[in-house]
Every structure is written in structure tokens, then in C-alpha cells.
Amino acid sequence: MLKLNSFLLLTGIALLGAVATSAQQRPSALATDPPPDKEFPAAPEAPDVLSHGARLNAVLYVASGRRPHPTVVLMHGFPGNGKNLDLAYSLRRAGWNVLISHYRGSWGSAGTFSFASAIEDTQAMVQFLREAENVKKFRTDPKRIMLIGHSLP
């Protein structure tokens, strides 16, 4: 019985060690850029995203590669000046475009802030990403757009 208990204890310790080691492995997109594509490199862009006539202060982090990319609209919270660039760069490394924009009347965007206008601005961002000219220019996939935010959205 002592040998069986010792065997089970050692097996349990070995399994826990394997799980702990596995849990510590991180996805490469967290810190490692993919191989560069010289023809279609990753790049930051400063597009004119308009919402009800007001220009939104926006940056679009375009992923590397020719193919259309799924795109994340990364929205800040209220009142929010954090841009979550660590998340944006990790998503771009993983092959996603990332649009970061500020709502009307906040952090360099024209217009007047309101909660209702924040919803309209989010709709304008999605519409911008679906426009044929922008789909081609920024290599976005208009059928794969995701919204990520906190606090306000």
C-alpha cells in the first residue's frame, strides 16, 4: 500500500508539473512578430473615420500579408484615454487588423461627447471598415469584424 501511495503521489506531482509548465507557455503573438511581408507589411495608418460629419481621431494597425484580415474595433472605456496598445500589437501579430478610435468630443476627436453619440461612432467605425474602398486599401475582411471594449461599450 505504501508503494501504491508513493506511486500515486509521484504521478500527481509529475502531472501538476506538466500542467504548470504548459500553462506558462505563451502564444508567440504576445511578443514575436511574424515573418515580414515586404510587399504587404504591417503598418499603422491614420484614416479619416467620419461620424455624423465629425472626424474621429483614429489609428488602424494593419496586419502583415496580402489576404483580407479579420478586424477588431478596440474601444476605450469612459472617460478613457487608455489605448490598450499591448493588446492591439498582439492582435496584429496574430493576423488581425486593429482600429482604435476615440468617440466624438474625446481625446482629439471633433464634435461633442454623449453616450448616444458613442454608439453612433461605433456604428460609423464598423461602417468604415466595411466600405469597399477601405476593404481594399486596408485589407479588411468585412464579414469578420469584432468589437472589444470595457467600461463604456
N, C-alpha and C. Protein backbone atom coordinates (compact mmCIF):
# COMPACT_ATOMS: atom_id res chain seq x y z
N MET A 1 0.82 -1.19 0.00
CA MET A 1 0.00 0.00 0.00
C MET A 1 0.87 1.26 0.00
N LEU A 2 1.96 1.23 0.73
CA LEU A 2 2.88 2.37 0.78
C LEU A 2 3.45 2.65 -0.60
N LYS A 3 3.79 1.58 -1.36
CA LYS A 3 4.33 1.76 -2.70
C LYS A 3 3.28 2.37 -3.63
N LEU A 4 2.03 1.94 -3.49
CA LEU A 4 0.96 2.48 -4.32
C LEU A 4 0.74 3.96 -4.01
N ASN A 5 0.72 4.31 -2.71
CA ASN A 5 0.55 5.71 -2.33
C ASN A 5 1.71 6.56 -2.82
N SER A 6 2.92 6.04 -2.71
CA SER A 6 4.10 6.77 -3.20
C SER A 6 4.02 6.96 -4.71
N PHE A 7 3.59 5.90 -5.41
CA PHE A 7 3.46 5.98 -6.86
C PHE A 7 2.42 7.04 -7.25
N LEU A 8 1.26 7.02 -6.58
CA LEU A 8 0.22 7.99 -6.87
C LEU A 8 0.67 9.42 -6.56
N LEU A 9 1.37 9.60 -5.47
CA LEU A 9 1.88 10.92 -5.09
C LEU A 9 2.87 11.44 -6.14
N LEU A 10 3.81 10.59 -6.54
CA LEU A 10 4.79 11.00 -7.55
C LEU A 10 4.13 11.26 -8.91
N THR A 11 3.15 10.45 -9.26
CA THR A 11 2.43 10.66 -10.52
C THR A 11 1.69 11.99 -10.48
N GLY A 12 1.04 12.29 -9.36
CA GLY A 12 0.32 13.55 -9.20
C GLY A 12 1.26 14.74 -9.31
N ILE A 13 2.41 14.65 -8.66
CA ILE A 13 3.40 15.74 -8.73
C ILE A 13 3.88 15.93 -10.16
N ALA A 14 4.13 14.84 -10.87
CA ALA A 14 4.58 14.92 -12.26
C ALA A 14 3.52 15.56 -13.14
N LEU A 15 2.26 15.19 -12.94
CA LEU A 15 1.17 15.77 -13.74
C LEU A 15 1.01 17.26 -13.44
N LEU A 16 1.08 17.64 -12.18
CA LEU A 16 0.98 19.05 -11.83
C LEU A 16 2.13 19.86 -12.44
N GLY A 17 3.31 19.27 -12.43
CA GLY A 17 4.46 19.95 -13.05
C GLY A 17 4.26 20.13 -14.54
N ALA A 18 3.71 19.12 -15.20
CA ALA A 18 3.46 19.21 -16.64
C ALA A 18 2.41 20.27 -16.93
N VAL A 19 1.35 20.33 -16.14
CA VAL A 19 0.29 21.32 -16.33
C VAL A 19 0.84 22.72 -16.08
N ALA A 20 1.62 22.89 -15.03
CA ALA A 20 2.19 24.20 -14.72
C ALA A 20 3.12 24.67 -15.84
N THR A 21 3.93 23.77 -16.38
CA THR A 21 4.82 24.12 -17.47
C THR A 21 4.02 24.52 -18.69
N SER A 22 2.97 23.75 -19.00
CA SER A 22 2.13 24.04 -20.15
C SER A 22 1.43 25.38 -19.99
N ALA A 23 0.97 25.69 -18.79
CA ALA A 23 0.27 26.94 -18.55
C ALA A 23 1.19 28.14 -18.69
N GLN A 24 2.49 27.96 -18.51
CA GLN A 24 3.43 29.06 -18.60
C GLN A 24 3.85 29.37 -20.03
N GLN A 25 3.55 28.49 -20.97
CA GLN A 25 3.88 28.77 -22.35
C GLN A 25 2.93 29.86 -22.86
N ARG A 26 3.48 30.82 -23.57
CA ARG A 26 2.64 31.90 -24.06
C ARG A 26 2.58 31.86 -25.58
N PRO A 27 1.46 32.29 -26.13
CA PRO A 27 1.35 32.34 -27.59
C PRO A 27 2.42 33.26 -28.17
N SER A 28 2.95 32.90 -29.31
CA SER A 28 4.02 33.69 -29.91
C SER A 28 3.56 35.10 -30.26
N ALA A 29 2.27 35.29 -30.54
CA ALA A 29 1.77 36.61 -30.92
C ALA A 29 1.89 37.64 -29.81
N LEU A 30 2.11 37.19 -28.57
CA LEU A 30 2.25 38.14 -27.48
C LEU A 30 3.52 38.97 -27.59
N ALA A 31 4.58 38.39 -28.14
CA ALA A 31 5.85 39.11 -28.14
C ALA A 31 6.68 38.94 -29.40
N THR A 32 6.24 38.13 -30.34
CA THR A 32 7.06 37.84 -31.52
C THR A 32 6.32 38.23 -32.79
N ASP A 33 6.94 39.10 -33.58
CA ASP A 33 6.33 39.47 -34.85
C ASP A 33 6.43 38.31 -35.83
N PRO A 34 5.43 38.17 -36.71
CA PRO A 34 5.51 37.14 -37.75
C PRO A 34 6.58 37.53 -38.76
N PRO A 35 6.99 36.61 -39.62
CA PRO A 35 7.96 36.97 -40.65
C PRO A 35 7.42 38.15 -41.47
N PRO A 36 8.27 39.13 -41.78
CA PRO A 36 7.78 40.30 -42.51
C PRO A 36 7.36 39.96 -43.94
N ASP A 37 6.34 40.63 -44.41
CA ASP A 37 5.90 40.53 -45.79
C ASP A 37 6.30 41.84 -46.45
N LYS A 38 7.33 41.81 -47.30
CA LYS A 38 7.87 43.03 -47.87
C LYS A 38 6.87 43.74 -48.78
N GLU A 39 5.99 42.98 -49.44
CA GLU A 39 5.01 43.58 -50.34
C GLU A 39 3.82 44.16 -49.58
N PHE A 40 3.42 43.48 -48.48
CA PHE A 40 2.27 43.92 -47.68
C PHE A 40 2.67 43.92 -46.20
N PRO A 41 3.48 44.91 -45.78
CA PRO A 41 3.97 44.92 -44.40
C PRO A 41 2.90 45.39 -43.41
N ALA A 42 3.11 45.03 -42.15
CA ALA A 42 2.29 45.59 -41.08
C ALA A 42 2.58 47.08 -41.01
N ALA A 43 1.54 47.87 -40.76
CA ALA A 43 1.75 49.32 -40.74
C ALA A 43 0.64 50.01 -39.96
N PRO A 44 0.99 51.11 -39.28
CA PRO A 44 -0.06 51.93 -38.68
C PRO A 44 -0.56 52.94 -39.72
N GLU A 45 -1.85 53.16 -39.73
CA GLU A 45 -2.46 54.14 -40.63
C GLU A 45 -3.29 55.11 -39.79
N ALA A 46 -3.50 56.30 -40.29
CA ALA A 46 -4.33 57.30 -39.60
C ALA A 46 -5.49 57.67 -40.53
N PRO A 47 -6.49 56.81 -40.61
CA PRO A 47 -7.58 57.05 -41.56
C PRO A 47 -8.55 58.13 -41.08
N ASP A 48 -9.28 58.69 -42.03
CA ASP A 48 -10.35 59.63 -41.70
C ASP A 48 -11.63 58.83 -41.49
N VAL A 49 -11.96 58.60 -40.23
CA VAL A 49 -13.21 57.94 -39.88
C VAL A 49 -14.18 59.05 -39.50
N LEU A 50 -15.26 59.16 -40.25
CA LEU A 50 -16.23 60.23 -40.01
C LEU A 50 -17.49 59.67 -39.36
N SER A 51 -18.01 60.41 -38.39
CA SER A 51 -19.26 60.05 -37.74
C SER A 51 -20.12 61.30 -37.65
N HIS A 52 -21.21 61.31 -38.41
CA HIS A 52 -22.13 62.44 -38.41
C HIS A 52 -21.40 63.76 -38.67
N GLY A 53 -20.47 63.72 -39.64
CA GLY A 53 -19.73 64.91 -40.05
C GLY A 53 -18.52 65.24 -39.22
N ALA A 54 -18.29 64.51 -38.13
CA ALA A 54 -17.14 64.79 -37.26
C ALA A 54 -16.05 63.75 -37.53
N ARG A 55 -14.80 64.24 -37.62
CA ARG A 55 -13.67 63.33 -37.81
C ARG A 55 -13.28 62.74 -36.47
N LEU A 56 -13.22 61.40 -36.41
CA LEU A 56 -12.79 60.71 -35.20
C LEU A 56 -11.28 60.52 -35.24
N ASN A 57 -10.63 60.77 -34.14
CA ASN A 57 -9.20 60.53 -34.01
C ASN A 57 -8.99 59.02 -33.99
N ALA A 58 -8.38 58.47 -35.04
CA ALA A 58 -8.29 57.02 -35.17
C ALA A 58 -6.92 56.59 -35.68
N VAL A 59 -6.53 55.39 -35.27
CA VAL A 59 -5.35 54.71 -35.81
C VAL A 59 -5.78 53.29 -36.15
N LEU A 60 -5.39 52.85 -37.34
CA LEU A 60 -5.68 51.49 -37.78
C LEU A 60 -4.35 50.75 -37.90
N TYR A 61 -4.17 49.72 -37.10
CA TYR A 61 -2.97 48.90 -37.16
C TYR A 61 -3.25 47.76 -38.12
N VAL A 62 -2.65 47.86 -39.32
CA VAL A 62 -2.90 46.89 -40.38
C VAL A 62 -1.93 45.73 -40.26
N ALA A 63 -2.46 44.52 -40.28
CA ALA A 63 -1.64 43.31 -40.16
C ALA A 63 -0.87 43.05 -41.44
N SER A 64 0.20 42.31 -41.31
CA SER A 64 1.05 41.94 -42.43
C SER A 64 0.35 40.89 -43.30
N GLY A 65 0.59 40.97 -44.61
CA GLY A 65 0.08 39.94 -45.51
C GLY A 65 -0.96 40.46 -46.48
N ARG A 66 -1.07 39.78 -47.60
CA ARG A 66 -1.93 40.17 -48.71
C ARG A 66 -3.41 39.90 -48.43
N ARG A 67 -3.70 38.83 -47.76
CA ARG A 67 -5.09 38.38 -47.61
C ARG A 67 -5.91 39.37 -46.77
N PRO A 68 -7.23 39.34 -46.93
CA PRO A 68 -8.08 40.16 -46.05
C PRO A 68 -7.96 39.66 -44.60
N HIS A 69 -7.91 40.60 -43.69
CA HIS A 69 -7.73 40.27 -42.27
C HIS A 69 -9.01 40.51 -41.48
N PRO A 70 -9.29 39.64 -40.53
CA PRO A 70 -10.35 39.99 -39.58
C PRO A 70 -9.90 41.25 -38.85
N THR A 71 -10.86 42.02 -38.38
CA THR A 71 -10.52 43.31 -37.77
C THR A 71 -11.23 43.49 -36.44
N VAL A 72 -10.49 44.02 -35.48
CA VAL A 72 -11.03 44.34 -34.16
C VAL A 72 -11.18 45.85 -34.06
N VAL A 73 -12.33 46.30 -33.57
CA VAL A 73 -12.50 47.70 -33.17
C VAL A 73 -12.28 47.69 -31.67
N LEU A 74 -11.18 48.29 -31.25
CA LEU A 74 -10.78 48.29 -29.84
C LEU A 74 -11.20 49.62 -29.23
N MET A 75 -12.25 49.57 -28.40
CA MET A 75 -12.86 50.79 -27.86
C MET A 75 -12.41 51.04 -26.43
N HIS A 76 -12.13 52.30 -26.14
CA HIS A 76 -11.72 52.65 -24.78
C HIS A 76 -12.94 52.83 -23.89
N GLY A 77 -12.72 52.82 -22.60
CA GLY A 77 -13.80 53.00 -21.64
C GLY A 77 -14.09 54.46 -21.38
N PHE A 78 -14.95 54.71 -20.42
CA PHE A 78 -15.33 56.07 -20.07
C PHE A 78 -14.59 56.50 -18.81
N PRO A 79 -13.97 57.66 -18.74
CA PRO A 79 -13.79 58.59 -19.83
C PRO A 79 -12.70 58.13 -20.78
N GLY A 80 -11.83 57.28 -20.34
CA GLY A 80 -10.93 56.52 -21.17
C GLY A 80 -9.92 57.23 -22.02
N ASN A 81 -8.68 57.11 -21.65
CA ASN A 81 -7.61 57.54 -22.55
C ASN A 81 -6.63 56.40 -22.78
N GLY A 82 -6.85 55.27 -22.12
CA GLY A 82 -6.01 54.09 -22.35
C GLY A 82 -6.27 53.54 -23.73
N LYS A 83 -5.22 53.21 -24.43
CA LYS A 83 -5.37 52.74 -25.80
C LYS A 83 -5.19 51.23 -25.92
N ASN A 84 -4.74 50.58 -24.86
CA ASN A 84 -4.56 49.12 -24.90
C ASN A 84 -3.66 48.70 -26.06
N LEU A 85 -2.57 49.43 -26.27
CA LEU A 85 -1.69 49.14 -27.39
C LEU A 85 -1.03 47.78 -27.28
N ASP A 86 -0.81 47.28 -26.05
CA ASP A 86 -0.25 45.94 -25.91
C ASP A 86 -1.18 44.92 -26.55
N LEU A 87 -2.47 45.06 -26.32
CA LEU A 87 -3.46 44.16 -26.92
C LEU A 87 -3.51 44.37 -28.44
N ALA A 88 -3.46 45.62 -28.86
CA ALA A 88 -3.51 45.92 -30.30
C ALA A 88 -2.34 45.27 -31.04
N TYR A 89 -1.14 45.40 -30.50
CA TYR A 89 0.02 44.81 -31.16
C TYR A 89 -0.02 43.29 -31.15
N SER A 90 -0.49 42.70 -30.07
CA SER A 90 -0.61 41.24 -30.03
C SER A 90 -1.63 40.74 -31.05
N LEU A 91 -2.75 41.44 -31.15
CA LEU A 91 -3.75 41.06 -32.14
C LEU A 91 -3.21 41.21 -33.56
N ARG A 92 -2.47 42.29 -33.81
CA ARG A 92 -1.91 42.47 -35.15
C ARG A 92 -0.89 41.39 -35.46
N ARG A 93 -0.06 41.02 -34.48
CA ARG A 93 0.90 39.93 -34.69
C ARG A 93 0.19 38.62 -35.03
N ALA A 94 -1.01 38.44 -34.50
CA ALA A 94 -1.78 37.22 -34.73
C ALA A 94 -2.57 37.29 -36.05
N GLY A 95 -2.39 38.38 -36.82
CA GLY A 95 -3.01 38.47 -38.14
C GLY A 95 -4.29 39.27 -38.21
N TRP A 96 -4.61 40.01 -37.16
CA TRP A 96 -5.81 40.84 -37.13
C TRP A 96 -5.44 42.30 -37.36
N ASN A 97 -6.29 43.04 -38.08
CA ASN A 97 -6.21 44.49 -38.10
C ASN A 97 -6.86 44.99 -36.82
N VAL A 98 -6.41 46.14 -36.33
CA VAL A 98 -6.99 46.72 -35.11
C VAL A 98 -7.25 48.20 -35.33
N LEU A 99 -8.51 48.61 -35.16
CA LEU A 99 -8.88 50.02 -35.25
C LEU A 99 -9.10 50.55 -33.85
N ILE A 100 -8.33 51.57 -33.50
CA ILE A 100 -8.51 52.27 -32.23
C ILE A 100 -8.97 53.68 -32.58
N SER A 101 -10.11 54.06 -32.04
CA SER A 101 -10.66 55.38 -32.33
C SER A 101 -11.25 55.97 -31.07
N HIS A 102 -11.24 57.28 -31.01
CA HIS A 102 -11.84 57.99 -29.88
C HIS A 102 -13.20 58.54 -30.29
N TYR A 103 -14.15 58.46 -29.38
CA TYR A 103 -15.50 58.94 -29.63
C TYR A 103 -15.51 60.46 -29.84
N ARG A 104 -16.54 60.94 -30.50
CA ARG A 104 -16.68 62.38 -30.70
C ARG A 104 -16.54 63.12 -29.38
N GLY A 105 -15.78 64.21 -29.45
CA GLY A 105 -15.62 65.06 -28.27
C GLY A 105 -14.66 64.53 -27.23
N SER A 106 -13.92 63.45 -27.56
CA SER A 106 -12.94 62.93 -26.60
C SER A 106 -11.60 62.73 -27.27
N TRP A 107 -10.55 63.12 -26.57
CA TRP A 107 -9.17 62.84 -26.95
C TRP A 107 -8.84 63.12 -28.40
N GLY A 108 -9.16 64.32 -28.84
CA GLY A 108 -8.75 64.76 -30.18
C GLY A 108 -9.77 64.54 -31.26
N SER A 109 -10.89 63.91 -30.97
CA SER A 109 -11.95 63.75 -31.97
C SER A 109 -12.85 64.98 -31.96
N ALA A 110 -13.28 65.38 -33.14
CA ALA A 110 -14.16 66.54 -33.27
C ALA A 110 -15.54 66.23 -32.69
N GLY A 111 -16.32 67.27 -32.46
CA GLY A 111 -17.69 67.08 -32.02
C GLY A 111 -17.85 67.14 -30.51
N THR A 112 -19.04 66.77 -30.06
CA THR A 112 -19.40 66.81 -28.64
C THR A 112 -19.69 65.39 -28.16
N PHE A 113 -19.12 65.02 -27.03
CA PHE A 113 -19.34 63.68 -26.49
C PHE A 113 -20.73 63.53 -25.90
N SER A 114 -21.32 62.36 -26.14
CA SER A 114 -22.52 61.92 -25.42
C SER A 114 -22.53 60.40 -25.51
N PHE A 115 -23.29 59.77 -24.62
CA PHE A 115 -23.37 58.32 -24.68
C PHE A 115 -24.04 57.86 -25.97
N ALA A 116 -25.06 58.60 -26.41
CA ALA A 116 -25.73 58.26 -27.66
C ALA A 116 -24.77 58.39 -28.84
N SER A 117 -23.95 59.45 -28.84
CA SER A 117 -23.01 59.61 -29.96
C SER A 117 -21.92 58.53 -29.93
N ALA A 118 -21.59 58.00 -28.76
CA ALA A 118 -20.60 56.91 -28.70
C ALA A 118 -21.11 55.68 -29.44
N ILE A 119 -22.40 55.41 -29.33
CA ILE A 119 -23.00 54.29 -30.06
C ILE A 119 -22.95 54.57 -31.56
N GLU A 120 -23.32 55.78 -31.94
CA GLU A 120 -23.27 56.16 -33.35
C GLU A 120 -21.84 56.09 -33.89
N ASP A 121 -20.87 56.51 -33.10
CA ASP A 121 -19.47 56.48 -33.52
C ASP A 121 -19.00 55.04 -33.73
N THR A 122 -19.43 54.15 -32.85
CA THR A 122 -19.07 52.73 -33.01
C THR A 122 -19.66 52.18 -34.31
N GLN A 123 -20.90 52.55 -34.60
CA GLN A 123 -21.52 52.13 -35.86
C GLN A 123 -20.75 52.70 -37.05
N ALA A 124 -20.30 53.94 -36.94
CA ALA A 124 -19.53 54.57 -38.02
C ALA A 124 -18.19 53.85 -38.24
N MET A 125 -17.57 53.41 -37.14
CA MET A 125 -16.29 52.68 -37.26
C MET A 125 -16.50 51.37 -38.03
N VAL A 126 -17.55 50.65 -37.68
CA VAL A 126 -17.83 49.38 -38.37
C VAL A 126 -18.15 49.65 -39.84
N GLN A 127 -18.96 50.65 -40.11
CA GLN A 127 -19.29 51.00 -41.49
C GLN A 127 -18.04 51.37 -42.27
N PHE A 128 -17.13 52.13 -41.67
CA PHE A 128 -15.87 52.50 -42.30
C PHE A 128 -15.10 51.24 -42.73
N LEU A 129 -15.05 50.25 -41.85
CA LEU A 129 -14.30 49.02 -42.15
C LEU A 129 -14.97 48.18 -43.24
N ARG A 130 -16.25 48.40 -43.48
CA ARG A 130 -16.99 47.63 -44.50
C ARG A 130 -17.05 48.33 -45.86
N GLU A 131 -16.64 49.59 -45.94
CA GLU A 131 -16.68 50.32 -47.21
C GLU A 131 -15.68 49.70 -48.17
N ALA A 132 -16.11 49.48 -49.41
CA ALA A 132 -15.30 48.77 -50.41
C ALA A 132 -13.91 49.36 -50.57
N GLU A 133 -13.81 50.68 -50.62
CA GLU A 133 -12.51 51.34 -50.77
C GLU A 133 -11.58 51.00 -49.61
N ASN A 134 -12.12 50.98 -48.38
CA ASN A 134 -11.30 50.68 -47.20
C ASN A 134 -10.98 49.20 -47.08
N VAL A 135 -11.91 48.35 -47.52
CA VAL A 135 -11.65 46.90 -47.53
C VAL A 135 -10.42 46.62 -48.38
N LYS A 136 -10.36 47.25 -49.54
CA LYS A 136 -9.22 47.05 -50.44
C LYS A 136 -7.95 47.70 -49.90
N LYS A 137 -8.05 48.96 -49.48
CA LYS A 137 -6.88 49.72 -49.05
C LYS A 137 -6.22 49.12 -47.80
N PHE A 138 -7.05 48.70 -46.83
CA PHE A 138 -6.52 48.23 -45.55
C PHE A 138 -6.58 46.72 -45.39
N ARG A 139 -7.01 46.00 -46.43
CA ARG A 139 -7.06 44.54 -46.43
C ARG A 139 -7.91 44.01 -45.26
N THR A 140 -9.09 44.59 -45.11
CA THR A 140 -10.00 44.13 -44.06
C THR A 140 -10.96 43.09 -44.62
N ASP A 141 -11.43 42.21 -43.77
CA ASP A 141 -12.47 41.26 -44.13
C ASP A 141 -13.78 41.80 -43.54
N PRO A 142 -14.67 42.33 -44.38
CA PRO A 142 -15.87 42.98 -43.86
C PRO A 142 -16.84 42.05 -43.16
N LYS A 143 -16.65 40.75 -43.32
CA LYS A 143 -17.53 39.77 -42.67
C LYS A 143 -16.98 39.32 -41.32
N ARG A 144 -15.77 39.75 -41.00
CA ARG A 144 -15.16 39.35 -39.71
C ARG A 144 -14.66 40.59 -38.97
N ILE A 145 -15.60 41.27 -38.34
CA ILE A 145 -15.30 42.45 -37.54
C ILE A 145 -15.78 42.18 -36.13
N MET A 146 -14.90 42.44 -35.16
CA MET A 146 -15.20 42.17 -33.75
C MET A 146 -15.04 43.47 -32.96
N LEU A 147 -15.93 43.67 -32.00
CA LEU A 147 -15.84 44.81 -31.11
C LEU A 147 -15.31 44.35 -29.77
N ILE A 148 -14.30 45.04 -29.25
CA ILE A 148 -13.76 44.74 -27.93
C ILE A 148 -13.69 46.06 -27.16
N GLY A 149 -14.20 46.05 -25.95
CA GLY A 149 -14.15 47.26 -25.16
C GLY A 149 -14.38 46.95 -23.69
N HIS A 150 -14.33 47.99 -22.90
CA HIS A 150 -14.58 47.84 -21.47
C HIS A 150 -15.20 49.12 -20.94
N SER A 151 -15.95 49.00 -19.88
CA SER A 151 -16.45 50.13 -19.13
C SER A 151 -17.57 50.92 -19.83
N LEU A 152 -17.38 51.32 -21.08
CA LEU A 152 -18.38 52.13 -21.77
C LEU A 152 -19.20 51.31 -22.76
N PRO A 153 -18.57 50.50 -23.65
CA PRO A 153 -19.34 49.80 -24.69
C PRO A 153 -20.42 48.91 -24.13
